[in-house]
Amino acid sequence: MAKNYIISHTLNTIFHMMENGTLAVPAFQRGYVWDRQAVKELFESINNGYPIGILIAVEHDTEHFESASSELTFFPKLNSDKLVSSKRLWIIDGSQRLASLYNVFLGKNSSFTLLYDLENKKFMFPQEAENTIKFLNMSSLFKTENFMEQQANIAKNNDEFLLEELYSIFNKFKDYQIPIQVIAEVKDQDIVNIFTAMNTSGISLSEDEMQRAQKYNKST
């Protein structure tokens, strides 16, 4: 029988887990499909202190599943030298959220650029904003040099309100934790059952995803 336990990590820890392969997406999972509005709503939820849902992962050997291509999932490319464990948490539900968070903060794809209006306290896309100090590029929060530059520019203008809001949003995202429900000691044939259970509990899985999972199950 499969065992379940829940862990919780900060965003920074989760990003490291994605980079070193502890968190990975199996090849039978969907590619990245979210639009920009979904990404913005995700960030609004975190900024408001709302839960963004628990992640679901299967704990298994590093080489047990084939990893999905980073070009499809928008997860960071894995450097095999960084592997730190013989076990991986294979993401069954939550890859869209993880890819969105990682790419806004640490990715190099400009389509994920998201700004925060420190004055009006709302998220915006680049084409909606002016190039002024009141707009924070969210990628700055996890890049020390960029954050310090933004901090210095605001301090130079003696704008205590903007500075206070800068610290506020920094702390909200730095301290935010995401829970992960880990399913351990799971048998290969149970993978499709997990997918099916998710599909009947309101988590929409496409027919293609179900077929890929079933195909994987038959090949093991």
C-alpha atoms as a PDB file:
ATOM      1  CA  MET A   1       0.000   0.000   0.000  1.00  0.00           C
ATOM      2  CA  ALA A   2       1.224   3.466  -0.874  1.00  0.00           C
ATOM      3  CA  LYS A   3       2.184   5.792   1.954  1.00  0.00           C
ATOM      4  CA  ASN A   4       1.399   9.495   2.132  1.00  0.00           C
ATOM      5  CA  TYR A   5       3.098  12.350   3.918  1.00  0.00           C
ATOM      6  CA  ILE A   6       3.145  16.123   3.550  1.00  0.00           C
ATOM      7  CA  ILE A   7       6.163  18.409   3.449  1.00  0.00           C
ATOM      8  CA  SER A   8       6.288  22.173   3.064  1.00  0.00           C
ATOM      9  CA  HIS A   9       9.042  24.347   1.610  1.00  0.00           C
ATOM     10  CA  THR A  10       9.732  27.993   0.865  1.00  0.00           C
ATOM     11  CA  LEU A  11       9.881  29.100  -2.755  1.00  0.00           C
ATOM     12  CA  ASN A  12      13.656  29.426  -2.628  1.00  0.00           C
ATOM     13  CA  THR A  13      14.042  25.828  -1.437  1.00  0.00           C
ATOM     14  CA  ILE A  14      11.605  24.582  -4.075  1.00  0.00           C
ATOM     15  CA  PHE A  15      13.557  26.391  -6.806  1.00  0.00           C
ATOM     16  CA  HIS A  16      16.758  24.657  -5.659  1.00  0.00           C
ATOM     17  CA  MET A  17      14.922  21.312  -5.704  1.00  0.00           C
ATOM     18  CA  MET A  18      13.842  21.969  -9.296  1.00  0.00           C
ATOM     19  CA  GLU A  19      17.401  22.858 -10.299  1.00  0.00           C
ATOM     20  CA  ASN A  20      19.045  19.841  -8.688  1.00  0.00           C
ATOM     21  CA  GLY A  21      16.451  17.349  -9.909  1.00  0.00           C
ATOM     22  CA  THR A  22      14.796  16.560  -6.589  1.00  0.00           C
ATOM     23  CA  LEU A  23      11.552  17.866  -8.097  1.00  0.00           C
ATOM     24  CA  ALA A  24      10.928  16.685 -11.662  1.00  0.00           C
ATOM     25  CA  VAL A  25       8.136  16.181 -14.184  1.00  0.00           C
ATOM     26  CA  PRO A  26       7.639  12.696 -15.694  1.00  0.00           C
ATOM     27  CA  ALA A  27       7.486  12.481 -19.486  1.00  0.00           C
ATOM     28  CA  PHE A  28       3.836  11.403 -19.506  1.00  0.00           C
ATOM     29  CA  GLN A  29       2.782  14.715 -17.934  1.00  0.00           C
ATOM     30  CA  ARG A  30       1.457  17.691 -19.902  1.00  0.00           C
ATOM     31  CA  GLY A  31       3.661  20.485 -21.161  1.00  0.00           C
ATOM     32  CA  TYR A  32       3.267  24.059 -20.020  1.00  0.00           C
ATOM     33  CA  VAL A  33      -0.160  25.445 -20.984  1.00  0.00           C
ATOM     34  CA  TRP A  34      -0.864  28.423 -18.719  1.00  0.00           C
ATOM     35  CA  ASP A  35      -1.501  31.866 -20.178  1.00  0.00           C
ATOM     36  CA  ARG A  36      -0.165  35.106 -18.680  1.00  0.00           C
ATOM     37  CA  GLN A  37      -3.403  35.929 -16.884  1.00  0.00           C
ATOM     38  CA  ALA A  38      -3.218  32.646 -14.958  1.00  0.00           C
ATOM     39  CA  VAL A  39       0.343  33.493 -13.931  1.00  0.00           C
ATOM     40  CA  LYS A  40      -0.695  36.941 -12.718  1.00  0.00           C
ATOM     41  CA  GLU A  41      -3.570  35.477 -10.702  1.00  0.00           C
ATOM     42  CA  LEU A  42      -1.169  33.011  -9.092  1.00  0.00           C
ATOM     43  CA  PHE A  43       1.037  35.872  -7.916  1.00  0.00           C
ATOM     44  CA  GLU A  44      -1.964  37.841  -6.702  1.00  0.00           C
ATOM     45  CA  SER A  45      -3.003  34.875  -4.554  1.00  0.00           C
ATOM     46  CA  ILE A  46       0.418  34.623  -2.934  1.00  0.00           C
ATOM     47  CA  ASN A  47       0.589  38.375  -2.377  1.00  0.00           C
ATOM     48  CA  ASN A  48      -2.808  38.219  -0.649  1.00  0.00           C
ATOM     49  CA  GLY A  49      -1.663  35.347   1.546  1.00  0.00           C
ATOM     50  CA  TYR A  50      -4.027  32.845  -0.047  1.00  0.00           C
ATOM     51  CA  PRO A  51      -3.125  29.159  -0.445  1.00  0.00           C
ATOM     52  CA  ILE A  52      -2.367  28.179  -4.035  1.00  0.00           C
ATOM     53  CA  GLY A  53      -3.142  24.504  -3.569  1.00  0.00           C
ATOM     54  CA  ILE A  54      -1.113  21.520  -2.499  1.00  0.00           C
ATOM     55  CA  LEU A  55       1.318  19.913  -4.944  1.00  0.00           C
ATOM     56  CA  ILE A  56       1.088  16.166  -5.491  1.00  0.00           C
ATOM     57  CA  ALA A  57       4.221  14.124  -6.137  1.00  0.00           C
ATOM     58  CA  VAL A  58       5.242  10.482  -6.344  1.00  0.00           C
ATOM     59  CA  GLU A  59       8.492   9.592  -4.601  1.00  0.00           C
ATOM     60  CA  HIS A  60      10.531   7.184  -6.706  1.00  0.00           C
ATOM     61  CA  ASP A  61      14.056   6.421  -7.903  1.00  0.00           C
ATOM     62  CA  THR A  62      15.839   9.075  -9.942  1.00  0.00           C
ATOM     63  CA  GLU A  63      15.858   6.996 -13.121  1.00  0.00           C
ATOM     64  CA  HIS A  64      12.474   5.313 -12.656  1.00  0.00           C
ATOM     65  CA  PHE A  65      10.635   7.671 -15.004  1.00  0.00           C
ATOM     66  CA  GLU A  66      11.818   9.488 -18.067  1.00  0.00           C
ATOM     67  CA  SER A  67      11.940  13.222 -17.363  1.00  0.00           C
ATOM     68  CA  ALA A  68       9.812  15.503 -19.500  1.00  0.00           C
ATOM     69  CA  SER A  69      11.695  17.906 -21.741  1.00  0.00           C
ATOM     70  CA  SER A  70      12.435  21.282 -20.169  1.00  0.00           C
ATOM     71  CA  GLU A  71      11.379  22.875 -23.469  1.00  0.00           C
ATOM     72  CA  LEU A  72       7.870  21.529 -22.839  1.00  0.00           C
ATOM     73  CA  THR A  73       7.576  21.952 -19.075  1.00  0.00           C
ATOM     74  CA  PHE A  74       9.591  25.189 -18.693  1.00  0.00           C
ATOM     75  CA  PHE A  75      11.367  23.594 -15.735  1.00  0.00           C
ATOM     76  CA  PRO A  76      15.077  24.464 -15.485  1.00  0.00           C
ATOM     77  CA  LYS A  77      17.423  22.269 -17.484  1.00  0.00           C
ATOM     78  CA  LEU A  78      18.892  19.673 -15.184  1.00  0.00           C
ATOM     79  CA  ASN A  79      22.618  19.565 -14.648  1.00  0.00           C
ATOM     80  CA  SER A  80      23.424  15.933 -13.822  1.00  0.00           C
ATOM     81  CA  ASP A  81      26.351  17.106 -11.694  1.00  0.00           C
ATOM     82  CA  LYS A  82      23.865  18.754  -9.327  1.00  0.00           C
ATOM     83  CA  LEU A  83      21.886  15.605  -8.518  1.00  0.00           C
ATOM     84  CA  VAL A  84      21.850  15.286  -4.748  1.00  0.00           C
ATOM     85  CA  SER A  85      19.641  12.262  -4.125  1.00  0.00           C
ATOM     86  CA  SER A  86      18.832   8.816  -5.473  1.00  0.00           C
ATOM     87  CA  LYS A  87      15.154   9.666  -4.999  1.00  0.00           C
ATOM     88  CA  ARG A  88      13.035  12.191  -6.838  1.00  0.00           C
ATOM     89  CA  LEU A  89       9.657  13.735  -6.237  1.00  0.00           C
ATOM     90  CA  TRP A  90       7.887  13.284  -9.562  1.00  0.00           C
ATOM     91  CA  ILE A  91       5.230  15.989  -9.899  1.00  0.00           C
ATOM     92  CA  ILE A  92       1.783  14.607 -10.707  1.00  0.00           C
ATOM     93  CA  ASP A  93      -0.104  17.840 -10.076  1.00  0.00           C
ATOM     94  CA  GLY A  94       1.393  21.310  -9.740  1.00  0.00           C
ATOM     95  CA  SER A  95       3.926  21.574 -12.556  1.00  0.00           C
ATOM     96  CA  GLN A  96       2.140  24.603 -14.055  1.00  0.00           C
ATOM     97  CA  ARG A  97       2.381  26.522 -10.779  1.00  0.00           C
ATOM     98  CA  LEU A  98       6.011  25.576 -10.235  1.00  0.00           C
ATOM     99  CA  ALA A  99       7.079  26.468 -13.777  1.00  0.00           C
ATOM    100  CA  SER A 100       5.270  29.809 -13.550  1.00  0.00           C
ATOM    101  CA  LEU A 101       6.906  30.763 -10.262  1.00  0.00           C
ATOM    102  CA  TYR A 102      10.370  29.654 -11.341  1.00  0.00           C
ATOM    103  CA  ASN A 103      10.298  31.464 -14.673  1.00  0.00           C
ATOM    104  CA  VAL A 104       8.986  34.752 -13.301  1.00  0.00           C
ATOM    105  CA  PHE A 105      11.679  34.810 -10.624  1.00  0.00           C
ATOM    106  CA  LEU A 106      14.642  33.022 -12.186  1.00  0.00           C
ATOM    107  CA  GLY A 107      13.853  32.210 -15.819  1.00  0.00           C
ATOM    108  CA  LYS A 108      15.315  33.842 -18.917  1.00  0.00           C
ATOM    109  CA  ASN A 109      12.146  33.828 -21.019  1.00  0.00           C
ATOM    110  CA  SER A 110      10.940  37.425 -21.364  1.00  0.00           C
ATOM    111  CA  SER A 111       7.338  36.275 -21.857  1.00  0.00           C
ATOM    112  CA  PHE A 112       7.270  35.592 -18.104  1.00  0.00           C
ATOM    113  CA  THR A 113       8.240  39.143 -17.148  1.00  0.00           C
ATOM    114  CA  LEU A 114       5.857  40.373 -14.459  1.00  0.00           C
ATOM    115  CA  LEU A 115       5.950  43.758 -12.747  1.00  0.00           C
ATOM    116  CA  TYR A 116       4.515  44.937  -9.452  1.00  0.00           C
ATOM    117  CA  ASP A 117       3.226  48.476  -9.023  1.00  0.00           C
ATOM    118  CA  LEU A 118       4.499  49.396  -5.558  1.00  0.00           C
ATOM    119  CA  GLU A 119       2.306  52.487  -5.421  1.00  0.00           C
ATOM    120  CA  ASN A 120      -1.019  50.928  -6.435  1.00  0.00           C
ATOM    121  CA  LYS A 121      -0.171  47.438  -5.147  1.00  0.00           C
ATOM    122  CA  LYS A 122      -1.052  45.460  -8.255  1.00  0.00           C
ATOM    123  CA  PHE A 123       0.678  43.224 -10.776  1.00  0.00           C
ATOM    124  CA  MET A 124       1.108  44.346 -14.363  1.00  0.00           C
ATOM    125  CA  PHE A 125       2.688  43.220 -17.609  1.00  0.00           C
ATOM    126  CA  PRO A 126       5.545  45.308 -19.096  1.00  0.00           C
ATOM    127  CA  GLN A 127       3.447  46.890 -21.845  1.00  0.00           C
ATOM    128  CA  GLU A 128       1.073  48.244 -19.191  1.00  0.00           C
ATOM    129  CA  ALA A 129       3.745  49.976 -17.120  1.00  0.00           C
ATOM    130  CA  GLU A 130       6.079  52.942 -17.313  1.00  0.00           C
ATOM    131  CA  ASN A 131       9.786  52.743 -16.658  1.00  0.00           C
ATOM    132  CA  THR A 132       9.804  54.308 -13.197  1.00  0.00           C
ATOM    133  CA  ILE A 133      11.037  53.243  -9.766  1.00  0.00           C
ATOM    134  CA  LYS A 134       7.524  52.445  -8.578  1.00  0.00           C
ATOM    135  CA  PHE A 135       7.482  49.342 -10.804  1.00  0.00           C
ATOM    136  CA  LEU A 136       9.296  46.315  -9.421  1.00  0.00           C
ATOM    137  CA  ASN A 137      10.373  43.550 -11.778  1.00  0.00           C
ATOM    138  CA  MET A 138       9.443  40.454  -9.783  1.00  0.00           C
ATOM    139  CA  SER A 139      12.614  38.709 -10.930  1.00  0.00           C
ATOM    140  CA  SER A 140      14.508  41.124  -8.651  1.00  0.00           C
ATOM    141  CA  LEU A 141      13.170  39.507  -5.474  1.00  0.00           C
ATOM    142  CA  PHE A 142      15.389  36.435  -5.771  1.00  0.00           C
ATOM    143  CA  LYS A 143      18.394  38.217  -7.273  1.00  0.00           C
ATOM    144  CA  THR A 144      20.217  40.065  -4.503  1.00  0.00           C
ATOM    145  CA  GLU A 145      22.079  42.546  -6.685  1.00  0.00           C
ATOM    146  CA  ASN A 146      18.943  43.583  -8.585  1.00  0.00           C
ATOM    147  CA  PHE A 147      16.915  43.905  -5.401  1.00  0.00           C
ATOM    148  CA  MET A 148      19.548  46.082  -3.753  1.00  0.00           C
ATOM    149  CA  GLU A 149      19.643  48.306  -6.838  1.00  0.00           C
ATOM    150  CA  GLN A 150      15.859  48.775  -6.702  1.00  0.00           C
ATOM    151  CA  GLN A 151      16.104  49.471  -2.978  1.00  0.00           C
ATOM    152  CA  ALA A 152      18.827  52.076  -3.512  1.00  0.00           C
ATOM    153  CA  ASN A 153      16.894  53.833  -6.286  1.00  0.00           C
ATOM    154  CA  ILE A 154      13.815  54.178  -4.102  1.00  0.00           C
ATOM    155  CA  ALA A 155      15.824  55.310  -1.076  1.00  0.00           C
ATOM    156  CA  LYS A 156      17.520  57.933  -3.242  1.00  0.00           C
ATOM    157  CA  ASN A 157      14.104  59.463  -3.891  1.00  0.00           C
ATOM    158  CA  ASN A 158      13.211  59.395  -0.186  1.00  0.00           C
ATOM    159  CA  ASP A 159       9.954  57.578  -0.882  1.00  0.00           C
ATOM    160  CA  GLU A 160       9.237  55.740   2.364  1.00  0.00           C
ATOM    161  CA  PHE A 161       5.886  54.403   1.138  1.00  0.00           C
ATOM    162  CA  LEU A 162       7.434  52.634  -1.865  1.00  0.00           C
ATOM    163  CA  LEU A 163      10.301  51.339   0.257  1.00  0.00           C
ATOM    164  CA  GLU A 164       7.906  49.919   2.824  1.00  0.00           C
ATOM    165  CA  GLU A 165       5.877  48.191   0.116  1.00  0.00           C
ATOM    166  CA  LEU A 166       9.082  46.822  -1.429  1.00  0.00           C
ATOM    167  CA  TYR A 167      10.043  45.184   1.875  1.00  0.00           C
ATOM    168  CA  SER A 168       6.486  43.951   2.361  1.00  0.00           C
ATOM    169  CA  ILE A 169       6.238  42.097  -0.935  1.00  0.00           C
ATOM    170  CA  PHE A 170       9.775  40.754  -0.530  1.00  0.00           C
ATOM    171  CA  ASN A 171       8.890  39.188   2.821  1.00  0.00           C
ATOM    172  CA  LYS A 172       5.597  37.779   1.540  1.00  0.00           C
ATOM    173  CA  PHE A 173       7.290  35.814  -1.223  1.00  0.00           C
ATOM    174  CA  LYS A 174      10.475  34.987   0.690  1.00  0.00           C
ATOM    175  CA  ASP A 175       8.499  33.409   3.539  1.00  0.00           C
ATOM    176  CA  TYR A 176       5.723  31.817   1.470  1.00  0.00           C
ATOM    177  CA  GLN A 177       5.602  28.037   1.770  1.00  0.00           C
ATOM    178  CA  ILE A 178       3.996  25.513  -0.555  1.00  0.00           C
ATOM    179  CA  PRO A 179       2.849  22.114   0.777  1.00  0.00           C
ATOM    180  CA  ILE A 180       3.643  18.951  -1.170  1.00  0.00           C
ATOM    181  CA  GLN A 181       1.703  15.742  -0.663  1.00  0.00           C
ATOM    182  CA  VAL A 182       4.172  12.942  -1.298  1.00  0.00           C
ATOM    183  CA  ILE A 183       2.987   9.467  -2.276  1.00  0.00           C
ATOM    184  CA  ALA A 184       5.713   6.957  -1.426  1.00  0.00           C
ATOM    185  CA  GLU A 185       6.180   3.227  -1.979  1.00  0.00           C
ATOM    186  CA  VAL A 186       3.810   3.356  -4.935  1.00  0.00           C
ATOM    187  CA  LYS A 187       3.701   0.569  -7.510  1.00  0.00           C
ATOM    188  CA  ASP A 188       3.911   1.302 -11.209  1.00  0.00           C
ATOM    189  CA  GLN A 189       0.370   0.139 -11.896  1.00  0.00           C
ATOM    190  CA  ASP A 190      -0.913   2.614  -9.313  1.00  0.00           C
ATOM    191  CA  ILE A 191       0.213   5.609 -11.373  1.00  0.00           C
ATOM    192  CA  VAL A 192      -2.798   5.415 -13.697  1.00  0.00           C
ATOM    193  CA  ASN A 193      -5.065   4.943 -10.677  1.00  0.00           C
ATOM    194  CA  ILE A 194      -3.683   8.158  -9.187  1.00  0.00           C
ATOM    195  CA  PHE A 195      -4.280   9.986 -12.462  1.00  0.00           C
ATOM    196  CA  THR A 196      -7.816   8.592 -12.670  1.00  0.00           C
ATOM    197  CA  ALA A 197      -8.595   9.570  -9.083  1.00  0.00           C
ATOM    198  CA  MET A 198      -7.373  13.089  -9.778  1.00  0.00           C
ATOM    199  CA  ASN A 199      -9.449  13.274 -12.939  1.00  0.00           C
ATOM    200  CA  THR A 200     -12.645  12.349 -11.079  1.00  0.00           C
ATOM    201  CA  SER A 201     -11.961  14.713  -8.184  1.00  0.00           C
ATOM    202  CA  GLY A 202     -12.105  17.887 -10.225  1.00  0.00           C
ATOM    203  CA  ILE A 203      -8.546  18.120 -11.543  1.00  0.00           C
ATOM    204  CA  SER A 204      -8.915  18.205 -15.301  1.00  0.00           C
ATOM    205  CA  LEU A 205      -6.649  15.811 -17.167  1.00  0.00           C
ATOM    206  CA  SER A 206      -6.807  15.664 -20.938  1.00  0.00           C
ATOM    207  CA  GLU A 207      -7.509  12.472 -22.863  1.00  0.00           C
ATOM    208  CA  ASP A 208      -3.968  12.673 -24.222  1.00  0.00           C
ATOM    209  CA  GLU A 209      -2.533  12.735 -20.697  1.00  0.00           C
ATOM    210  CA  MET A 210      -4.597   9.740 -19.680  1.00  0.00           C
ATOM    211  CA  GLN A 211      -3.441   7.832 -22.764  1.00  0.00           C
ATOM    212  CA  ARG A 212       0.207   8.667 -22.080  1.00  0.00           C
ATOM    213  CA  ALA A 213      -0.116   7.430 -18.511  1.00  0.00           C
ATOM    214  CA  GLN A 214      -1.864   4.251 -19.640  1.00  0.00           C
ATOM    215  CA  LYS A 215       0.773   3.693 -22.323  1.00  0.00           C
ATOM    216  CA  TYR A 216       3.483   4.084 -19.692  1.00  0.00           C
ATOM    217  CA  ASN A 217       1.704   1.633 -17.403  1.00  0.00           C
ATOM    218  CA  LYS A 218       1.527  -1.026 -20.140  1.00  0.00           C
ATOM    219  CA  SER A 219       5.212  -0.633 -20.951  1.00  0.00           C
ATOM    220  CA  THR A 220       6.429  -1.217 -17.373  1.00  0.00           C
END
